[in-house]
């Protein structure tokens, strides 16, 4: 798994590449925590290059959602692969987190 953070105006784009599992979920949590600790609580997570996530990845994601909201922001998910979207739907994430077709739509949603 690789994680790339890019700051844009009032949002932080977090692009994840590869699989998210128990071996790297802690690193993902740290990647989420870094911008939140700096007060950058509007997060857009690009899942376009994620082909698998385990429950450990879901826990990491949920922690980031809670932390960003606690800071007055939110986390939006963009560009899910169908198999990852199924996992998020089964786990109930589609009722917790806003999901967008692409990064542009997710980023624009913070402006509304």
Protein backbone atom coordinates (compact mmCIF):
# COMPACT_ATOMS: atom_id res chain seq x y z
CA UNK A 1 0.00 0.00 0.00
CA UNK A 2 1.14 3.53 -0.80
CA UNK A 3 -0.43 6.72 0.52
CA UNK A 4 0.05 10.16 -1.03
CA UNK A 5 -1.20 13.34 0.63
CA UNK A 6 -1.79 16.51 -1.38
CA UNK A 7 -3.11 19.73 0.11
CA UNK A 8 -5.59 21.79 -1.91
CA UNK A 9 -6.97 25.04 -0.53
CA UNK A 10 -9.19 23.83 2.32
CA UNK A 11 -9.06 20.10 1.62
CA UNK A 12 -6.47 17.35 1.83
CA UNK A 13 -6.51 14.64 -0.83
CA UNK A 14 -5.37 11.25 0.41
CA UNK A 15 -4.71 8.82 -2.45
CA UNK A 16 -4.35 5.19 -1.49
CA UNK A 17 -2.80 2.67 -3.87
CA UNK A 18 -2.91 -1.10 -3.34
CA UNK A 19 -4.60 -3.27 -0.73
CA UNK A 20 -5.46 -2.18 2.79
CA UNK A 21 -5.17 -4.96 5.35
CA UNK A 22 -4.04 -5.73 8.87
CA UNK A 23 -0.38 -5.39 7.91
CA UNK A 24 -0.66 -1.77 6.80
CA UNK A 25 -3.81 -0.38 8.45
CA UNK A 26 -1.76 1.26 11.20
CA UNK A 27 0.27 3.15 8.58
CA UNK A 28 -2.98 4.26 6.97
CA UNK A 29 -4.27 5.50 10.34
CA UNK A 30 -1.08 7.53 10.73
CA UNK A 31 -1.57 9.00 7.26
CA UNK A 32 -5.07 10.12 8.22
CA UNK A 33 -3.93 11.48 11.58
CA UNK A 34 -1.18 13.72 10.18
CA UNK A 35 -3.36 16.32 8.42
CA UNK A 36 -6.01 16.18 11.16
CA UNK A 37 -3.35 17.01 13.76
CA UNK A 38 -2.50 20.09 11.66
CA UNK A 39 -6.14 21.20 11.65
CA UNK A 40 -6.75 20.04 8.09
CA UNK A 41 -10.01 18.21 8.78
CA UNK A 42 -11.61 18.26 5.33
CA UNK A 43 -10.38 15.00 3.84
CA UNK A 44 -11.05 13.46 0.44
CA UNK A 45 -9.87 9.86 0.17
CA UNK A 46 -9.23 8.63 -3.38
CA UNK A 47 -9.92 4.89 -3.51
CA UNK A 48 -9.56 4.57 -7.30
CA UNK A 49 -6.43 2.41 -6.91
CA UNK A 50 -7.58 0.31 -3.94
CA UNK A 51 -8.58 -3.22 -4.91
CA UNK A 52 -9.13 -4.67 -1.42
CA UNK A 53 -9.76 -3.55 2.14
CA UNK A 54 -10.05 -5.69 5.24
CA UNK A 55 -11.89 -4.91 8.46
CA UNK A 56 -8.64 -3.38 9.76
CA UNK A 57 -8.79 -0.88 6.90
CA UNK A 58 -12.41 -0.12 7.73
CA UNK A 59 -11.47 0.57 11.37
CA UNK A 60 -8.76 2.95 10.20
CA UNK A 61 -11.23 4.74 7.96
CA UNK A 62 -13.84 4.99 10.71
CA UNK A 63 -11.29 6.45 13.11
CA UNK A 64 -10.40 9.13 10.56
CA UNK A 65 -14.08 9.96 10.00
CA UNK A 66 -14.61 10.42 13.74
CA UNK A 67 -11.44 12.47 14.22
CA UNK A 68 -12.13 14.77 11.26
CA UNK A 69 -15.72 15.37 12.39
CA UNK A 70 -14.57 16.02 15.95
CA UNK A 71 -12.36 18.77 14.49
CA UNK A 72 -15.27 20.33 12.60
CA UNK A 73 -14.56 18.72 9.23
CA UNK A 74 -15.49 15.54 7.45
CA UNK A 75 -14.11 12.73 5.32
CA UNK A 76 -15.44 12.00 1.83
CA UNK A 77 -14.65 8.92 -0.23
CA UNK A 78 -14.11 9.08 -3.99
CA UNK A 79 -13.84 6.62 -6.87
CA UNK A 80 -14.48 3.28 -5.20
CA UNK A 81 -13.78 0.07 -7.10
CA UNK A 82 -16.97 -2.09 -7.19
CA UNK A 83 -15.53 -4.84 -4.96
CA UNK A 84 -14.42 -2.31 -2.32
CA UNK A 85 -17.74 -0.49 -2.52
CA UNK A 86 -19.50 -3.79 -1.74
CA UNK A 87 -17.37 -4.25 1.38
CA UNK A 88 -18.15 -0.70 2.55
CA UNK A 89 -21.85 -1.20 1.87
CA UNK A 90 -21.96 -4.49 3.77
CA UNK A 91 -20.18 -2.86 6.71
CA UNK A 92 -22.67 0.03 6.75
CA UNK A 93 -20.22 2.74 5.67
CA UNK A 94 -22.51 3.99 2.91
CA UNK A 95 -24.78 5.36 5.65
CA UNK A 96 -21.91 6.98 7.54
CA UNK A 97 -19.66 8.49 4.87
CA UNK A 98 -20.53 10.38 1.70
CA UNK A 99 -19.26 8.56 -1.39
CA UNK A 100 -18.63 10.27 -4.72
CA UNK A 101 -17.92 9.02 -8.23
CA UNK A 102 -14.67 10.99 -8.50
CA UNK A 103 -12.25 13.20 -6.59
CA UNK A 104 -13.53 16.39 -8.22
CA UNK A 105 -17.10 15.80 -7.02
CA UNK A 106 -15.94 14.89 -3.52
CA UNK A 107 -13.78 18.00 -3.29
CA UNK A 108 -16.55 20.23 -4.67
CA UNK A 109 -18.97 18.88 -2.05
CA UNK A 110 -17.05 20.79 0.62
CA UNK A 111 -17.81 24.06 -1.17
CA UNK A 112 -21.61 23.61 -0.98
